[in-house]
Amino acid sequence: MSEAFPRKPSPRHAPPSPEEIEQARADFALHIPSLFTRQCLAVDCEGWPCRRYLNAVAVLDRAGLLDVNGQLRA
């Protein structure tokens, strides 16, 4: 029965598209923590860690662009 209805992989396991990677790079660069408060420094953002930063880290990690320290690879 399962052969008749193959399942697509979950979106979080699929490789990210180039557009998703570029957006994640931009979000990763813009959304950084404040040294003095528990807020994100991006305009109109929430407390740290913000949702856009977490999503960017997930996409960059799936793409293999983060090193073991959580920094972008050159």
C-alpha atoms as a PDB file:
ATOM      1  CA  MET A   1       0.000   0.000   0.000  1.00  0.00           C
ATOM      2  CA  SER A   2       2.778   2.452   0.850  1.00  0.00           C
ATOM      3  CA  GLU A   3       4.406   1.911  -2.558  1.00  0.00           C
ATOM      4  CA  ALA A   4       1.273   3.270  -4.217  1.00  0.00           C
ATOM      5  CA  PHE A   5       1.438   6.512  -2.206  1.00  0.00           C
ATOM      6  CA  PRO A   6       5.059   7.634  -1.840  1.00  0.00           C
ATOM      7  CA  ARG A   7       5.590  10.371   0.712  1.00  0.00           C
ATOM      8  CA  LYS A   8       7.497  13.572   0.087  1.00  0.00           C
ATOM      9  CA  PRO A   9      10.278  14.388   2.550  1.00  0.00           C
ATOM     10  CA  SER A  10       9.517  16.870   5.283  1.00  0.00           C
ATOM     11  CA  PRO A  11      10.399  20.493   4.332  1.00  0.00           C
ATOM     12  CA  ARG A  12      12.951  20.657   7.131  1.00  0.00           C
ATOM     13  CA  HIS A  13      14.826  17.703   5.588  1.00  0.00           C
ATOM     14  CA  ALA A  14      14.766  18.989   2.019  1.00  0.00           C
ATOM     15  CA  PRO A  15      17.809  20.967   0.859  1.00  0.00           C
ATOM     16  CA  PRO A  16      17.155  24.730   0.946  1.00  0.00           C
ATOM     17  CA  SER A  17      16.781  26.649  -2.294  1.00  0.00           C
ATOM     18  CA  PRO A  18      19.320  29.359  -3.257  1.00  0.00           C
ATOM     19  CA  GLU A  19      16.697  32.032  -2.491  1.00  0.00           C
ATOM     20  CA  GLU A  20      16.167  30.601   1.004  1.00  0.00           C
ATOM     21  CA  ILE A  21      19.921  30.564   1.588  1.00  0.00           C
ATOM     22  CA  GLU A  22      20.320  34.208   0.513  1.00  0.00           C
ATOM     23  CA  GLN A  23      17.435  35.294   2.761  1.00  0.00           C
ATOM     24  CA  ALA A  24      18.900  33.297   5.648  1.00  0.00           C
ATOM     25  CA  ARG A  25      22.314  34.935   5.144  1.00  0.00           C
ATOM     26  CA  ALA A  26      20.695  38.378   5.260  1.00  0.00           C
ATOM     27  CA  ASP A  27      18.666  37.534   8.374  1.00  0.00           C
ATOM     28  CA  PHE A  28      21.719  36.003  10.061  1.00  0.00           C
ATOM     29  CA  ALA A  29      23.679  39.218   9.472  1.00  0.00           C
ATOM     30  CA  LEU A  30      20.882  41.602  10.554  1.00  0.00           C
ATOM     31  CA  HIS A  31      19.532  39.845  13.634  1.00  0.00           C
ATOM     32  CA  ILE A  32      22.206  39.999  16.318  1.00  0.00           C
ATOM     33  CA  PRO A  33      21.886  40.225  20.107  1.00  0.00           C
ATOM     34  CA  SER A  34      22.425  43.394  22.085  1.00  0.00           C
ATOM     35  CA  LEU A  35      25.320  43.377  24.548  1.00  0.00           C
ATOM     36  CA  PHE A  36      23.291  45.289  27.132  1.00  0.00           C
ATOM     37  CA  THR A  37      19.704  44.047  26.860  1.00  0.00           C
ATOM     38  CA  ARG A  38      17.988  40.787  26.008  1.00  0.00           C
ATOM     39  CA  GLN A  39      16.751  42.164  22.683  1.00  0.00           C
ATOM     40  CA  CYS A  40      17.575  41.655  19.027  1.00  0.00           C
ATOM     41  CA  LEU A  41      19.141  44.740  17.413  1.00  0.00           C
ATOM     42  CA  ALA A  42      17.104  44.485  14.192  1.00  0.00           C
ATOM     43  CA  VAL A  43      14.393  47.088  13.656  1.00  0.00           C
ATOM     44  CA  ASP A  44      10.975  46.098  15.086  1.00  0.00           C
ATOM     45  CA  CYS A  45      12.229  42.779  16.402  1.00  0.00           C
ATOM     46  CA  GLU A  46      11.573  40.838  19.594  1.00  0.00           C
ATOM     47  CA  GLY A  47      13.647  39.422  22.408  1.00  0.00           C
ATOM     48  CA  TRP A  48      16.757  37.366  21.783  1.00  0.00           C
ATOM     49  CA  PRO A  49      16.930  34.827  20.213  1.00  0.00           C
ATOM     50  CA  CYS A  50      14.342  36.079  17.750  1.00  0.00           C
ATOM     51  CA  ARG A  51      12.324  33.847  15.430  1.00  0.00           C
ATOM     52  CA  ARG A  52      13.966  35.120  12.211  1.00  0.00           C
ATOM     53  CA  TYR A  53      17.448  34.377  13.583  1.00  0.00           C
ATOM     54  CA  LEU A  54      16.437  30.861  14.631  1.00  0.00           C
ATOM     55  CA  ASN A  55      14.914  30.191  11.201  1.00  0.00           C
ATOM     56  CA  ALA A  56      18.051  31.525   9.484  1.00  0.00           C
ATOM     57  CA  VAL A  57      20.288  29.282  11.582  1.00  0.00           C
ATOM     58  CA  ALA A  58      18.156  26.243  10.706  1.00  0.00           C
ATOM     59  CA  VAL A  59      18.343  26.973   6.955  1.00  0.00           C
ATOM     60  CA  LEU A  60      22.089  27.665   7.024  1.00  0.00           C
ATOM     61  CA  ASP A  61      22.696  24.516   9.058  1.00  0.00           C
ATOM     62  CA  ARG A  62      20.739  22.402   6.541  1.00  0.00           C
ATOM     63  CA  ALA A  63      22.816  23.973   3.760  1.00  0.00           C
ATOM     64  CA  GLY A  64      26.041  23.122   5.624  1.00  0.00           C
ATOM     65  CA  LEU A  65      27.156  26.749   5.838  1.00  0.00           C
ATOM     66  CA  LEU A  66      27.657  26.957   9.621  1.00  0.00           C
ATOM     67  CA  ASP A  67      30.792  25.784  11.406  1.00  0.00           C
ATOM     68  CA  VAL A  68      30.850  24.086  14.819  1.00  0.00           C
ATOM     69  CA  ASN A  69      30.866  27.488  16.560  1.00  0.00           C
ATOM     70  CA  GLY A  70      27.674  28.609  14.812  1.00  0.00           C
ATOM     71  CA  GLN A  71      29.464  31.068  12.529  1.00  0.00           C
ATOM     72  CA  LEU A  72      29.127  31.341   8.755  1.00  0.00           C
ATOM     73  CA  ARG A  73      31.811  29.565   6.793  1.00  0.00           C
ATOM     74  CA  ALA A  74      33.745  31.721   4.351  1.00  0.00           C
END
